[in-house]
């Protein structure tokens, strides 16, 4: 059985002492804990302790039940792993889900379902003119206008490359610097050799060129039959000037038009953590994408958010970071946390295909469920083992 670990972070969140506990299989920890730690503590000093859960012959719930509770854990987040027989995605799984828990997918993908070109539609000469007709969900008029403005201002054009030298330039001068700027020590990516063999050789590099012909941004794409997977991205040297000029957003628009005309059925812009404030979610939803749960292990894994200790910092954190929740039928819905002092952050938009109407979670109810468990538990999970969660 893979190793299960837990990380306890202690620091100041929203001006108060705060404790965060994340529990996950080691391979899954990086998909959740860095986001929550940054959301809670920002760049302030944090004390982090990591421990391994003793493995044995028990089930996943046995392992999770071995994580001791700390009274200073304000927020508890647990990644429940995938199971080949359905696991936590099944309606009968809530053996680990307790009253008050909010269940999230581990990842959410943003996928553009492409409408085929029509003979009566605009021609292929202007790759920005047809943006609203790219997918089943039309891109907003404002977003199309911004794209036309970018192209006029900076003379952007696109090019497709299968040249290994262009891949080398992209990976070293675009992708790695961009990941460093975006994520720093928390950056995750595909190694260079794997990216070349598994992505570039089975796909292509989609470049955005400035008016002088220099590539200033690019998307490394993998082709799977009629699906174009936009896997790795970057802009030149991670320079903020190309971020300001939205070279990568331009690449996404160009790519959608090209993929539609090339006969692809969809473009998968890959995933992000299930939080509405994620830049990936906010930028890709403007492209007419649909929020979906990905296939495979990441798609079957779930996050349980649980109150460990009611506190003002816990409430401030959750109110400021609305989530994308999932139910047993795999339906996705935006969830806003609120109480009498914290109105729902509806200024953080959620409109996106694939998400149903927003749900409000009363923080008083969420917190009281955690308080009700305090006197009856000595571990994070006291639920009995569930057969469906046994790897």
Protein backbone atom coordinates (compact mmCIF):
# COMPACT_ATOMS: atom_id res chain seq x y z
CA UNK A 1 0.00 0.00 0.00
CA UNK A 2 1.37 3.49 -0.86
CA UNK A 3 2.63 5.59 2.00
CA UNK A 4 0.15 7.87 3.74
CA UNK A 5 1.56 11.04 5.26
CA UNK A 6 0.20 14.01 7.15
CA UNK A 7 1.45 17.59 7.39
CA UNK A 8 0.61 19.96 10.19
CA UNK A 9 1.21 23.64 9.55
CA UNK A 10 1.11 26.27 12.28
CA UNK A 11 1.26 30.02 11.74
CA UNK A 12 -0.73 33.24 11.56
CA UNK A 13 -3.71 33.34 9.24
CA UNK A 14 -5.89 36.41 8.94
CA UNK A 15 -4.13 37.90 11.94
CA UNK A 16 -4.72 34.91 14.23
CA UNK A 17 -3.06 31.63 15.18
CA UNK A 18 -4.14 28.89 12.80
CA UNK A 19 -3.55 25.17 12.38
CA UNK A 20 -3.87 23.25 9.10
CA UNK A 21 -3.79 19.46 8.86
CA UNK A 22 -3.53 17.74 5.46
CA UNK A 23 -3.60 13.96 5.12
CA UNK A 24 -2.97 12.15 1.83
CA UNK A 25 -1.06 9.45 0.06
CA UNK A 26 2.39 10.89 -0.47
CA UNK A 27 1.93 11.17 -4.25
CA UNK A 28 -1.27 13.20 -3.78
CA UNK A 29 -0.12 15.65 -1.11
CA UNK A 30 1.28 18.12 -3.64
CA UNK A 31 -2.09 18.49 -5.33
CA UNK A 32 -3.69 20.01 -2.23
CA UNK A 33 -1.43 21.09 0.61
CA UNK A 34 0.57 23.85 -1.16
CA UNK A 35 -2.60 25.66 -2.20
CA UNK A 36 -4.20 25.49 1.24
CA UNK A 37 -0.99 26.50 2.99
CA UNK A 38 -0.56 29.53 0.72
CA UNK A 39 -4.25 30.45 1.01
CA UNK A 40 -4.05 30.34 4.80
CA UNK A 41 -0.63 31.75 5.57
CA UNK A 42 0.41 33.63 2.44
CA UNK A 43 4.11 34.35 2.63
CA UNK A 44 4.29 34.46 6.43
CA UNK A 45 6.47 32.16 8.51
CA UNK A 46 4.98 28.70 9.00
CA UNK A 47 6.02 25.76 11.16
CA UNK A 48 5.46 22.46 9.32
CA UNK A 49 5.63 18.97 10.80
CA UNK A 50 5.28 15.88 8.64
CA UNK A 51 4.56 12.36 9.79
CA UNK A 52 4.01 8.99 8.20
CA UNK A 53 0.96 6.93 9.05
CA UNK A 54 1.99 3.40 10.07
CA UNK A 55 1.03 1.06 7.25
CA UNK A 56 -0.28 -2.40 7.83
CA UNK A 57 -2.79 -4.79 6.39
CA UNK A 58 -5.78 -2.56 7.14
CA UNK A 59 -7.99 -0.57 4.82
CA UNK A 60 -7.57 3.05 3.83
CA UNK A 61 -9.96 4.07 6.60
CA UNK A 62 -7.80 2.12 9.07
CA UNK A 63 -4.79 4.14 7.97
CA UNK A 64 -6.61 7.44 8.23
CA UNK A 65 -7.90 6.49 11.65
CA UNK A 66 -4.29 6.27 12.80
CA UNK A 67 -3.75 10.02 12.38
CA UNK A 68 -3.99 11.60 15.84
CA UNK A 69 -6.12 14.68 16.39
CA UNK A 70 -4.45 17.85 17.61
CA UNK A 71 -6.77 20.34 19.34
CA UNK A 72 -5.02 23.13 17.44
CA UNK A 73 -6.08 21.77 14.02
CA UNK A 74 -8.53 24.39 12.75
CA UNK A 75 -9.00 22.95 9.25
CA UNK A 76 -8.60 19.28 8.31
CA UNK A 77 -8.26 18.29 4.64
CA UNK A 78 -7.98 14.63 3.69
CA UNK A 79 -7.42 13.18 0.22
CA UNK A 80 -9.32 9.92 -0.13
CA UNK A 81 -7.64 7.82 -2.83
CA UNK A 82 -9.11 6.27 -5.91
CA UNK A 83 -10.28 2.69 -5.85
CA UNK A 84 -10.53 0.48 -8.94
CA UNK A 85 -14.02 -0.62 -7.88
CA UNK A 86 -15.40 2.88 -7.69
CA UNK A 87 -14.10 4.08 -4.33
CA UNK A 88 -15.20 7.41 -3.02
CA UNK A 89 -17.11 8.20 -6.20
CA UNK A 90 -19.82 5.67 -5.33
CA UNK A 91 -23.04 6.70 -3.55
CA UNK A 92 -22.30 4.05 -0.90
CA UNK A 93 -18.90 5.44 -0.01
CA UNK A 94 -19.70 7.97 2.69
CA UNK A 95 -18.30 5.66 5.36
CA UNK A 96 -15.56 8.26 5.81
CA UNK A 97 -17.79 11.28 5.21
CA UNK A 98 -19.19 12.67 8.43
CA UNK A 99 -21.86 15.34 9.03
CA UNK A 100 -20.61 18.76 8.06
CA UNK A 101 -17.89 17.53 5.68
CA UNK A 102 -17.64 19.20 2.27
CA UNK A 103 -16.48 16.83 -0.48
CA UNK A 104 -14.36 18.15 -3.35
CA UNK A 105 -12.78 16.53 -6.39
CA UNK A 106 -8.99 16.40 -6.22
CA UNK A 107 -8.74 18.10 -9.63
CA UNK A 108 -11.01 19.92 -12.03
CA UNK A 109 -10.24 20.05 -15.75
CA UNK A 110 -11.37 22.84 -18.08
CA UNK A 111 -12.29 21.36 -21.45
CA UNK A 112 -13.38 23.19 -24.60
CA UNK A 113 -15.81 21.14 -26.67
CA UNK A 114 -15.29 22.33 -30.20
CA UNK A 115 -17.96 23.07 -32.77
CA UNK A 116 -16.93 22.03 -36.30
CA UNK A 117 -16.30 24.86 -38.79
CA UNK A 118 -19.13 25.63 -41.17
CA UNK A 119 -19.02 26.66 -44.77
CA UNK A 120 -21.07 29.77 -44.00
CA UNK A 121 -18.86 30.87 -41.15
CA UNK A 122 -16.00 33.37 -41.40
CA UNK A 123 -12.89 32.23 -43.17
CA UNK A 124 -9.70 30.98 -41.60
CA UNK A 125 -7.66 34.08 -42.44
CA UNK A 126 -8.33 35.86 -39.15
CA UNK A 127 -7.76 33.50 -36.21
CA UNK A 128 -9.38 35.95 -33.77
CA UNK A 129 -12.64 36.70 -35.59
CA UNK A 130 -14.40 33.41 -34.89
CA UNK A 131 -13.66 33.12 -31.16
CA UNK A 132 -17.32 33.13 -30.15
CA UNK A 133 -18.09 30.12 -32.36
CA UNK A 134 -15.24 27.92 -31.17
CA UNK A 135 -17.13 25.91 -28.57
CA UNK A 136 -20.61 25.04 -27.49
CA UNK A 137 -20.32 27.77 -24.85
CA UNK A 138 -19.57 31.01 -26.68
CA UNK A 139 -16.72 33.17 -25.47
CA UNK A 140 -17.96 36.51 -24.21
CA UNK A 141 -17.96 39.51 -26.50
CA UNK A 142 -15.65 41.29 -24.06
CA UNK A 143 -13.11 38.47 -24.19
CA UNK A 144 -13.19 38.39 -27.99
CA UNK A 145 -12.63 42.14 -28.03
CA UNK A 146 -9.63 41.80 -25.72
CA UNK A 147 -8.16 39.16 -28.02
CA UNK A 148 -8.50 41.38 -31.09
CA UNK A 149 -6.91 44.26 -29.16
CA UNK A 150 -3.94 42.10 -28.14
CA UNK A 151 -3.33 40.92 -31.67
CA UNK A 152 -3.45 44.44 -33.07
CA UNK A 153 -1.25 45.91 -30.33
CA UNK A 154 1.55 43.35 -30.42
CA UNK A 155 1.26 41.83 -33.88
CA UNK A 156 0.79 38.33 -32.50
CA UNK A 157 0.70 35.38 -34.88
CA UNK A 158 0.93 31.65 -34.31
CA UNK A 159 3.06 28.79 -35.56
CA UNK A 160 3.22 25.03 -35.01
CA UNK A 161 6.59 23.40 -34.55
CA UNK A 162 7.88 19.82 -34.54
CA UNK A 163 11.52 20.97 -34.35
CA UNK A 164 13.42 19.57 -31.31
CA UNK A 165 15.38 22.82 -31.12
CA UNK A 166 12.14 24.72 -30.55
CA UNK A 167 11.18 22.25 -27.84
CA UNK A 168 14.55 22.82 -26.15
CA UNK A 169 14.07 26.59 -26.27
CA UNK A 170 10.53 26.29 -24.96
CA UNK A 171 11.38 24.05 -22.03
CA UNK A 172 14.49 25.94 -20.87
CA UNK A 173 13.58 29.54 -21.74
CA UNK A 174 9.80 29.50 -21.29
CA UNK A 175 8.38 26.62 -19.28
CA UNK A 176 10.88 26.38 -16.42
CA UNK A 177 11.13 30.15 -15.83
CA UNK A 178 7.35 30.48 -15.92
CA UNK A 179 6.85 27.65 -13.42
CA UNK A 180 9.40 29.30 -11.14
CA UNK A 181 7.61 32.65 -11.33
CA UNK A 182 4.19 31.09 -10.83
CA UNK A 183 4.86 28.47 -8.19
CA UNK A 184 8.39 28.80 -6.85
CA UNK A 185 9.30 25.89 -4.59
CA UNK A 186 5.82 24.37 -5.09
CA UNK A 187 6.22 24.00 -8.87
CA UNK A 188 5.23 20.63 -10.32
CA UNK A 189 5.95 19.66 -13.89
CA UNK A 190 6.87 16.90 -16.29
CA UNK A 191 10.58 16.22 -16.55
CA UNK A 192 12.34 17.35 -19.70
CA UNK A 193 13.01 13.87 -21.13
CA UNK A 194 9.47 12.70 -20.43
CA UNK A 195 8.03 15.89 -21.89
CA UNK A 196 10.01 15.36 -25.07
CA UNK A 197 9.23 11.66 -25.50
CA UNK A 198 5.66 11.47 -24.20
CA UNK A 199 4.32 14.88 -25.17
CA UNK A 200 6.33 16.57 -27.92
CA UNK A 201 6.93 13.44 -30.01
CA UNK A 202 3.23 12.62 -29.78
CA UNK A 203 2.07 16.16 -30.30
CA UNK A 204 3.46 19.56 -31.20
CA UNK A 205 4.54 22.93 -29.88
CA UNK A 206 2.05 25.73 -30.45
CA UNK A 207 3.90 29.05 -30.46
CA UNK A 208 2.85 32.68 -30.29
CA UNK A 209 5.17 35.00 -32.19
CA UNK A 210 5.58 38.72 -31.61
CA UNK A 211 5.60 41.18 -34.50
CA UNK A 212 9.36 40.68 -34.92
CA UNK A 213 8.92 36.91 -35.35
CA UNK A 214 10.25 35.96 -31.90
CA UNK A 215 8.39 33.23 -30.01
CA UNK A 216 7.20 34.84 -26.77
CA UNK A 217 4.81 32.17 -25.46
CA UNK A 218 3.97 28.57 -26.25
CA UNK A 219 1.80 25.60 -25.33
CA UNK A 220 3.17 22.06 -25.52
CA UNK A 221 0.32 19.87 -26.74
CA UNK A 222 -0.20 16.11 -26.67
CA UNK A 223 -2.53 14.54 -29.24
CA UNK A 224 -4.83 11.68 -28.28
CA UNK A 225 -6.92 10.75 -31.33
CA UNK A 226 -9.28 13.74 -31.70
CA UNK A 227 -8.37 15.37 -28.38
CA UNK A 228 -5.71 18.06 -28.06
CA UNK A 229 -4.28 18.12 -24.54
CA UNK A 230 -2.66 21.46 -23.69
CA UNK A 231 -0.09 20.12 -21.26
CA UNK A 232 2.79 22.53 -20.57
CA UNK A 233 2.90 26.30 -21.00
CA UNK A 234 5.31 29.16 -20.65
CA UNK A 235 6.25 32.65 -21.75
CA UNK A 236 9.70 33.92 -22.59
CA UNK A 237 12.04 33.95 -19.58
CA UNK A 238 9.05 34.29 -17.24
CA UNK A 239 9.29 38.02 -18.05
CA UNK A 240 6.29 39.91 -16.62
CA UNK A 241 6.03 41.98 -19.81
CA UNK A 242 4.63 38.94 -21.65
CA UNK A 243 2.21 38.32 -18.80
CA UNK A 244 1.04 41.93 -19.02
CA UNK A 245 0.63 41.58 -22.79
CA UNK A 246 -1.31 38.35 -22.24
CA UNK A 247 0.74 36.36 -24.71
CA UNK A 248 -0.37 33.06 -23.19
CA UNK A 249 -4.06 34.03 -23.28
CA UNK A 250 -3.51 34.84 -26.94
CA UNK A 251 -2.04 31.37 -27.43
CA UNK A 252 -5.15 29.77 -25.95
CA UNK A 253 -7.42 31.64 -28.36
CA UNK A 254 -5.24 30.79 -31.35
CA UNK A 255 -5.04 27.15 -30.27
CA UNK A 256 -8.81 26.81 -29.98
CA UNK A 257 -9.36 28.16 -33.48
CA UNK A 258 -6.62 26.01 -34.97
CA UNK A 259 -7.80 22.84 -33.21
CA UNK A 260 -11.38 23.34 -34.36
CA UNK A 261 -10.33 23.85 -37.97
CA UNK A 262 -8.00 20.83 -37.73
CA UNK A 263 -10.93 18.60 -36.77
CA UNK A 264 -10.30 18.06 -33.05
CA UNK A 265 -13.39 17.43 -30.95
CA UNK A 266 -12.04 19.16 -27.86
CA UNK A 267 -9.10 20.87 -26.22
CA UNK A 268 -8.33 19.85 -22.66
CA UNK A 269 -6.62 22.71 -20.86
CA UNK A 270 -5.77 20.37 -17.97
CA UNK A 271 -6.60 20.90 -14.36
CA UNK A 272 -6.40 22.94 -11.22
CA UNK A 273 -7.28 22.67 -7.56
CA UNK A 274 -11.04 22.86 -6.86
CA UNK A 275 -11.09 26.47 -5.69
CA UNK A 276 -12.86 29.29 -7.50
CA UNK A 277 -10.00 31.72 -6.87
CA UNK A 278 -7.54 29.65 -8.89
CA UNK A 279 -6.22 31.71 -11.78
CA UNK A 280 -6.42 28.68 -14.07
CA UNK A 281 -10.13 28.32 -13.43
CA UNK A 282 -10.90 32.00 -13.82
CA UNK A 283 -8.89 32.44 -17.03
CA UNK A 284 -10.04 29.23 -18.75
CA UNK A 285 -13.74 29.64 -17.95
CA UNK A 286 -13.66 32.76 -20.16
CA UNK A 287 -12.79 30.49 -23.10
CA UNK A 288 -16.18 28.80 -23.06
CA UNK A 289 -14.79 25.69 -21.40
CA UNK A 290 -16.66 23.09 -19.38
CA UNK A 291 -15.53 22.13 -15.88
CA UNK A 292 -15.14 18.36 -15.71
CA UNK A 293 -13.69 15.70 -13.45
CA UNK A 294 -10.70 14.14 -15.22
CA UNK A 295 -10.38 10.47 -15.99
CA UNK A 296 -8.17 8.10 -14.03
CA UNK A 297 -6.88 8.13 -10.48
CA UNK A 298 -6.92 11.91 -10.06
CA UNK A 299 -10.53 11.98 -11.19
CA UNK A 300 -11.68 9.37 -8.71
CA UNK A 301 -9.89 10.83 -5.69
CA UNK A 302 -11.77 13.15 -3.37
CA UNK A 303 -10.92 15.77 -0.75
CA UNK A 304 -12.81 15.91 2.52
CA UNK A 305 -12.82 19.36 4.12
CA UNK A 306 -13.60 19.19 7.82
CA UNK A 307 -13.69 21.60 10.74
CA UNK A 308 -11.19 20.65 13.41
CA UNK A 309 -11.62 23.71 15.62
CA UNK A 310 -14.04 26.57 15.15
CA UNK A 311 -12.14 29.84 14.90
CA UNK A 312 -12.39 33.24 13.28
CA UNK A 313 -9.35 32.39 11.12
CA UNK A 314 -11.01 29.20 9.86
CA UNK A 315 -14.14 31.12 8.94
CA UNK A 316 -12.18 33.93 7.26
CA UNK A 317 -10.19 31.41 5.21
CA UNK A 318 -13.18 29.43 3.98
CA UNK A 319 -15.26 32.53 3.26
CA UNK A 320 -12.41 33.96 1.18
CA UNK A 321 -11.84 30.74 -0.79
CA UNK A 322 -15.07 29.28 -2.18
CA UNK A 323 -14.69 25.76 -3.55
CA UNK A 324 -15.96 23.45 -6.27
CA UNK A 325 -17.71 20.53 -4.58
CA UNK A 326 -18.78 17.17 -6.01
CA UNK A 327 -21.58 14.81 -5.09
CA UNK A 328 -21.93 11.05 -5.44
CA UNK A 329 -23.25 11.44 -9.01
CA UNK A 330 -20.07 13.37 -10.02
CA UNK A 331 -22.05 16.60 -10.40
CA UNK A 332 -19.98 19.72 -9.70
CA UNK A 333 -21.24 22.78 -7.88
CA UNK A 334 -19.68 25.99 -6.58
CA UNK A 335 -19.86 26.32 -2.80
CA UNK A 336 -19.61 29.59 -0.88
CA UNK A 337 -19.07 29.64 2.90
CA UNK A 338 -20.96 32.30 4.82
CA UNK A 339 -22.22 33.35 8.24
CA UNK A 340 -23.84 36.42 9.80
CA UNK A 341 -20.56 38.37 9.67
CA UNK A 342 -19.23 37.02 6.37
CA UNK A 343 -21.44 37.38 3.30
CA UNK A 344 -20.79 34.91 0.48
CA UNK A 345 -17.98 36.08 -1.81
CA UNK A 346 -20.12 36.20 -4.92
CA UNK A 347 -17.66 38.71 -6.33
CA UNK A 348 -15.53 35.63 -7.04
CA UNK A 349 -17.44 34.43 -10.12
CA UNK A 350 -18.37 30.82 -10.76
CA UNK A 351 -20.26 30.86 -14.04
CA UNK A 352 -18.87 27.99 -16.09
CA UNK A 353 -20.36 25.16 -18.10
CA UNK A 354 -20.41 22.00 -16.03
CA UNK A 355 -21.15 23.77 -12.76
CA UNK A 356 -24.70 23.89 -11.51
CA UNK A 357 -26.14 26.64 -9.30
CA UNK A 358 -24.17 27.84 -6.32
CA UNK A 359 -24.72 26.35 -2.87
CA UNK A 360 -24.24 28.26 0.38
CA UNK A 361 -22.69 26.47 3.36
CA UNK A 362 -23.48 28.00 6.73
CA UNK A 363 -20.22 28.25 8.66
CA UNK A 364 -22.13 27.86 11.91
CA UNK A 365 -23.30 24.43 10.73
CA UNK A 366 -19.89 23.48 9.31
CA UNK A 367 -18.13 24.47 12.54
CA UNK A 368 -20.69 22.95 14.89
CA UNK A 369 -20.27 19.55 13.22
CA UNK A 370 -16.58 19.67 14.09
CA UNK A 371 -17.29 20.74 17.64
CA UNK A 372 -19.78 17.90 18.09
CA UNK A 373 -17.05 15.38 17.27
CA UNK A 374 -14.47 16.80 19.68
CA UNK A 375 -15.47 14.77 22.70
CA UNK A 376 -16.00 11.54 20.80
CA UNK A 377 -12.81 11.06 18.82
CA UNK A 378 -9.11 10.71 19.31
CA UNK A 379 -8.20 10.33 15.64
CA UNK A 380 -9.05 12.21 12.48
CA UNK A 381 -11.31 9.36 11.35
CA UNK A 382 -13.23 7.18 13.72
CA UNK A 383 -15.56 5.72 11.11
CA UNK A 384 -15.47 1.95 10.63
CA UNK A 385 -13.56 0.56 7.64
CA UNK A 386 -15.54 0.54 4.42
CA UNK A 387 -15.08 -2.34 2.06
CA UNK A 388 -15.26 -0.12 -1.01
CA UNK A 389 -12.21 1.84 0.13
CA UNK A 390 -9.89 -1.12 0.59
CA UNK A 391 -7.16 -0.97 -2.10
